[in-house]
């Protein structure tokens, strides 16, 4: 501790990041400081430093702060450290062996969903989306689980801001229709991609939650329609749900 019992500056900045990471919306410095109790000038200075270093960004109106993509990448790297990676791979392998198709662990980024890890199927014919690939929110099963995790107001704002590019004949290109679809996802607890991202490919995804039931990613599998249709894929929904629970325990227990 610093002289006078004050928290060292580096720990103060970590607390700011922790508070923002645990919030379900962007916060102003004043809202952040409600938990810190620091002098107003101090919290504004720390937030400005974090913003200048690229760890925080401001909303369009310039008042509220939220984690940047740099901070999210750092957090996913910490989350997915060597010990967790081994355990996570075992969960993915178990799910892939049960389904006999490619299984993915996917996390949200500013521009879409990013494949953090995957276990490929042994089938000679498979769809290549390697780890590190970034896919849209509006036409993927994992992306729809993320949209469904948002509050109704935030969900509407986010969907209306997306470019709903038609990638196939089944892609949702109308924001109202997509809002209804995502509301269904929120209610049922899983999402499907019925050839919306790629012709000839279907997918199912379920959310992976942290210890406070906050969304942190999705567990998904995809398959070519030549081998599996939506009805056949739905049989494995419980396998995904069990896998997502194991992933939550791996990360947060």
Protein backbone atom coordinates (compact mmCIF):
# COMPACT_ATOMS: atom_id res chain seq x y z
CA UNK A 1 0.00 0.00 0.00
CA UNK A 2 1.08 3.57 -0.56
CA UNK A 3 1.69 5.98 2.30
CA UNK A 4 -1.55 6.90 4.02
CA UNK A 5 -3.25 3.60 3.12
CA UNK A 6 -4.00 4.61 -0.44
CA UNK A 7 -4.25 1.97 -3.17
CA UNK A 8 -1.23 2.05 -5.55
CA UNK A 9 -1.97 3.54 -8.98
CA UNK A 10 -1.44 0.24 -10.83
CA UNK A 11 -4.03 -1.46 -8.61
CA UNK A 12 -6.44 1.42 -9.13
CA UNK A 13 -6.24 0.98 -12.89
CA UNK A 14 -6.83 -2.76 -12.49
CA UNK A 15 -9.90 -2.02 -10.37
CA UNK A 16 -11.23 0.28 -13.11
CA UNK A 17 -10.78 -2.50 -15.67
CA UNK A 18 -12.41 -4.98 -13.30
CA UNK A 19 -15.42 -2.73 -12.75
CA UNK A 20 -15.90 -2.16 -16.48
CA UNK A 21 -15.42 -5.86 -17.19
CA UNK A 22 -18.15 -6.76 -14.72
CA UNK A 23 -20.62 -4.16 -15.96
CA UNK A 24 -23.33 -4.95 -18.50
CA UNK A 25 -22.98 -1.56 -20.21
CA UNK A 26 -20.43 1.23 -20.76
CA UNK A 27 -19.85 3.47 -17.73
CA UNK A 28 -18.91 7.08 -17.12
CA UNK A 29 -15.89 7.84 -14.90
CA UNK A 30 -18.36 9.03 -12.25
CA UNK A 31 -20.20 5.68 -12.34
CA UNK A 32 -16.89 3.82 -12.14
CA UNK A 33 -15.88 5.94 -9.18
CA UNK A 34 -19.05 5.02 -7.28
CA UNK A 35 -17.25 1.77 -6.39
CA UNK A 36 -13.79 3.31 -5.94
CA UNK A 37 -14.41 6.46 -3.93
CA UNK A 38 -11.38 8.27 -5.38
CA UNK A 39 -11.03 12.00 -5.91
CA UNK A 40 -12.86 12.98 -9.10
CA UNK A 41 -9.68 14.31 -10.71
CA UNK A 42 -7.84 11.06 -9.97
CA UNK A 43 -10.39 8.72 -11.55
CA UNK A 44 -10.66 10.94 -14.63
CA UNK A 45 -6.86 10.94 -14.97
CA UNK A 46 -6.66 7.14 -14.67
CA UNK A 47 -9.45 6.63 -17.20
CA UNK A 48 -7.76 9.02 -19.62
CA UNK A 49 -4.49 7.13 -19.25
CA UNK A 50 -6.19 3.80 -19.98
CA UNK A 51 -7.92 5.35 -22.98
CA UNK A 52 -4.67 6.83 -24.32
CA UNK A 53 -2.95 3.44 -23.94
CA UNK A 54 -5.71 1.79 -25.97
CA UNK A 55 -7.35 -0.28 -23.23
CA UNK A 56 -10.59 1.71 -23.14
CA UNK A 57 -12.67 3.42 -25.81
CA UNK A 58 -15.55 5.87 -25.60
CA UNK A 59 -19.05 5.48 -26.95
CA UNK A 60 -20.12 7.70 -29.82
CA UNK A 61 -21.43 10.37 -27.44
CA UNK A 62 -17.99 10.52 -25.80
CA UNK A 63 -19.18 10.18 -22.20
CA UNK A 64 -19.16 6.48 -21.39
CA UNK A 65 -16.18 4.14 -21.47
CA UNK A 66 -16.00 0.50 -22.48
CA UNK A 67 -13.25 -2.12 -22.97
CA UNK A 68 -11.37 -1.85 -26.27
CA UNK A 69 -10.54 -4.72 -28.60
CA UNK A 70 -6.97 -4.61 -27.24
CA UNK A 71 -8.22 -5.24 -23.72
CA UNK A 72 -10.60 -7.97 -24.90
CA UNK A 73 -7.73 -9.75 -26.68
CA UNK A 74 -5.64 -9.52 -23.53
CA UNK A 75 -8.51 -10.85 -21.42
CA UNK A 76 -9.14 -13.78 -23.76
CA UNK A 77 -5.43 -14.60 -23.68
CA UNK A 78 -5.42 -14.62 -19.88
CA UNK A 79 -8.62 -16.66 -19.82
CA UNK A 80 -7.17 -19.10 -22.31
CA UNK A 81 -3.84 -19.69 -20.61
CA UNK A 82 -1.91 -22.96 -20.95
CA UNK A 83 -3.64 -24.72 -18.06
CA UNK A 84 -7.10 -23.71 -19.21
CA UNK A 85 -6.24 -24.50 -22.83
CA UNK A 86 -5.50 -28.14 -22.00
CA UNK A 87 -8.77 -28.52 -20.09
CA UNK A 88 -10.71 -26.65 -22.76
CA UNK A 89 -9.32 -28.81 -25.53
CA UNK A 90 -10.47 -31.91 -23.68
CA UNK A 91 -14.01 -30.52 -23.48
CA UNK A 92 -14.00 -29.63 -27.19
CA UNK A 93 -12.59 -33.04 -28.11
CA UNK A 94 -15.29 -34.77 -26.05
CA UNK A 95 -18.06 -32.77 -27.74
CA UNK A 96 -16.55 -33.31 -31.20
CA UNK A 97 -16.29 -37.06 -30.62
CA UNK A 98 -19.95 -37.20 -29.58
CA UNK A 99 -21.17 -35.21 -32.59
CA UNK A 100 -18.52 -36.29 -35.12
CA UNK A 101 -18.41 -32.79 -36.60
CA UNK A 102 -16.20 -29.70 -36.16
CA UNK A 103 -16.67 -27.95 -32.80
CA UNK A 104 -15.75 -24.32 -32.10
CA UNK A 105 -15.21 -22.06 -29.10
CA UNK A 106 -16.13 -18.54 -30.27
CA UNK A 107 -15.85 -15.16 -28.53
CA UNK A 108 -17.24 -11.71 -29.44
CA UNK A 109 -15.08 -8.93 -30.85
CA UNK A 110 -16.08 -5.46 -32.04
CA UNK A 111 -16.38 -6.58 -35.67
CA UNK A 112 -17.93 -10.02 -35.16
CA UNK A 113 -17.30 -13.41 -33.57
CA UNK A 114 -13.76 -14.80 -33.43
CA UNK A 115 -12.92 -18.51 -33.41
CA UNK A 116 -10.74 -18.89 -30.31
CA UNK A 117 -10.28 -22.64 -30.65
CA UNK A 118 -11.70 -25.54 -32.62
CA UNK A 119 -11.50 -29.30 -33.02
CA UNK A 120 -11.80 -30.45 -36.61
CA UNK A 121 -13.86 -33.39 -37.77
CA UNK A 122 -12.10 -36.38 -39.33
CA UNK A 123 -14.39 -36.27 -42.37
CA UNK A 124 -12.45 -35.64 -45.61
CA UNK A 125 -15.11 -33.13 -46.67
CA UNK A 126 -15.27 -30.29 -44.14
CA UNK A 127 -15.73 -26.54 -44.00
CA UNK A 128 -12.53 -24.66 -43.21
CA UNK A 129 -12.88 -21.83 -40.69
CA UNK A 130 -9.55 -21.90 -38.80
CA UNK A 131 -8.94 -20.49 -35.32
CA UNK A 132 -8.62 -16.72 -35.57
CA UNK A 133 -11.34 -16.42 -38.23
CA UNK A 134 -13.81 -13.57 -37.72
CA UNK A 135 -17.44 -14.07 -38.78
CA UNK A 136 -20.49 -11.73 -38.71
CA UNK A 137 -22.95 -11.43 -35.84
CA UNK A 138 -26.12 -11.40 -37.91
CA UNK A 139 -25.83 -14.63 -39.87
CA UNK A 140 -24.01 -17.07 -37.57
CA UNK A 141 -25.33 -19.18 -34.72
CA UNK A 142 -22.61 -17.97 -32.35
CA UNK A 143 -23.20 -14.35 -33.33
CA UNK A 144 -26.89 -14.67 -32.56
CA UNK A 145 -26.14 -16.06 -29.09
CA UNK A 146 -24.10 -12.92 -28.42
CA UNK A 147 -26.86 -10.61 -29.67
CA UNK A 148 -29.34 -12.53 -27.52
CA UNK A 149 -27.19 -11.89 -24.43
CA UNK A 150 -27.68 -8.12 -24.73
CA UNK A 151 -30.47 -6.22 -23.00
CA UNK A 152 -33.47 -5.62 -25.29
CA UNK A 153 -32.57 -1.93 -25.71
CA UNK A 154 -28.90 -2.64 -26.42
CA UNK A 155 -29.86 -5.52 -28.70
CA UNK A 156 -32.07 -3.22 -30.80
CA UNK A 157 -29.40 -0.51 -31.02
CA UNK A 158 -26.70 -3.03 -31.96
CA UNK A 159 -28.76 -4.79 -34.64
CA UNK A 160 -29.85 -1.51 -36.19
CA UNK A 161 -26.19 -0.48 -36.42
CA UNK A 162 -25.10 -3.68 -38.20
CA UNK A 163 -24.64 -3.94 -41.93
CA UNK A 164 -26.94 -6.87 -42.65
CA UNK A 165 -25.09 -8.06 -45.72
CA UNK A 166 -26.85 -10.91 -47.57
CA UNK A 167 -24.37 -13.77 -47.78
CA UNK A 168 -26.94 -16.41 -48.80
CA UNK A 169 -30.62 -16.54 -49.67
CA UNK A 170 -31.38 -17.26 -45.97
CA UNK A 171 -29.41 -14.41 -44.41
CA UNK A 172 -31.44 -12.06 -42.22
CA UNK A 173 -31.28 -8.69 -43.96
CA UNK A 174 -34.20 -7.00 -42.19
CA UNK A 175 -33.46 -5.68 -38.69
CA UNK A 176 -37.00 -6.31 -37.39
CA UNK A 177 -36.88 -9.93 -38.54
CA UNK A 178 -33.47 -10.40 -36.97
CA UNK A 179 -34.69 -8.85 -33.71
CA UNK A 180 -37.52 -11.41 -33.58
CA UNK A 181 -35.06 -14.22 -34.33
CA UNK A 182 -32.67 -13.10 -31.60
CA UNK A 183 -35.56 -12.78 -29.12
CA UNK A 184 -36.33 -16.44 -29.83
CA UNK A 185 -32.69 -17.31 -29.23
CA UNK A 186 -32.75 -15.50 -25.87
CA UNK A 187 -35.87 -17.42 -24.85
CA UNK A 188 -34.81 -20.89 -26.03
CA UNK A 189 -31.14 -20.71 -25.03
CA UNK A 190 -29.57 -21.75 -28.33
CA UNK A 191 -29.21 -20.46 -31.89
CA UNK A 192 -29.14 -22.07 -35.32
CA UNK A 193 -27.59 -21.05 -38.61
CA UNK A 194 -29.75 -22.52 -41.34
CA UNK A 195 -27.48 -21.83 -44.33
CA UNK A 196 -27.45 -18.13 -43.39
CA UNK A 197 -23.67 -17.64 -43.42
CA UNK A 198 -22.71 -20.13 -46.10
CA UNK A 199 -24.75 -22.14 -48.59
CA UNK A 200 -24.59 -25.82 -47.71
CA UNK A 201 -23.65 -25.29 -44.05
CA UNK A 202 -25.74 -25.45 -40.89
CA UNK A 203 -24.68 -24.74 -37.31
CA UNK A 204 -25.94 -24.72 -33.73
CA UNK A 205 -24.46 -22.65 -30.88
CA UNK A 206 -25.11 -22.28 -27.15
CA UNK A 207 -23.79 -19.57 -24.82
CA UNK A 208 -20.86 -20.08 -22.46
CA UNK A 209 -21.41 -18.11 -19.25
CA UNK A 210 -19.12 -17.00 -16.45
CA UNK A 211 -19.64 -17.51 -12.73
CA UNK A 212 -22.12 -14.61 -12.63
CA UNK A 213 -24.11 -15.95 -15.62
CA UNK A 214 -22.62 -13.26 -17.85
CA UNK A 215 -22.04 -14.12 -21.52
CA UNK A 216 -18.39 -14.70 -22.45
CA UNK A 217 -18.59 -16.79 -25.63
CA UNK A 218 -20.32 -19.60 -27.48
CA UNK A 219 -19.81 -23.31 -28.05
CA UNK A 220 -20.89 -24.30 -31.55
CA UNK A 221 -20.63 -26.96 -34.17
CA UNK A 222 -21.20 -26.77 -37.90
CA UNK A 223 -21.68 -29.36 -40.62
CA UNK A 224 -22.33 -29.53 -44.37
CA UNK A 225 -25.95 -30.13 -45.26
CA UNK A 226 -24.89 -33.14 -47.33
CA UNK A 227 -24.25 -34.92 -44.01
CA UNK A 228 -26.65 -33.26 -41.59
CA UNK A 229 -29.78 -31.15 -41.63
CA UNK A 230 -31.15 -28.89 -38.90
CA UNK A 231 -33.43 -31.56 -37.43
CA UNK A 232 -30.58 -34.06 -37.16
CA UNK A 233 -28.31 -31.38 -35.68
CA UNK A 234 -30.88 -30.56 -32.98
CA UNK A 235 -30.35 -34.03 -31.51
CA UNK A 236 -26.92 -32.85 -30.31
CA UNK A 237 -28.12 -29.66 -28.63
CA UNK A 238 -27.88 -31.29 -25.18
CA UNK A 239 -24.28 -32.30 -25.92
CA UNK A 240 -23.43 -28.65 -26.60
CA UNK A 241 -25.23 -27.48 -23.45
CA UNK A 242 -23.31 -29.97 -21.31
CA UNK A 243 -20.06 -28.93 -22.99
CA UNK A 244 -20.81 -25.24 -22.30
CA UNK A 245 -21.34 -26.02 -18.60
CA UNK A 246 -17.99 -27.83 -18.46
CA UNK A 247 -16.29 -24.88 -20.16
CA UNK A 248 -17.75 -22.49 -17.60
CA UNK A 249 -16.37 -24.65 -14.79
CA UNK A 250 -12.99 -24.84 -16.54
CA UNK A 251 -12.68 -21.06 -16.82
CA UNK A 252 -14.33 -19.83 -13.65
CA UNK A 253 -14.23 -22.50 -10.92
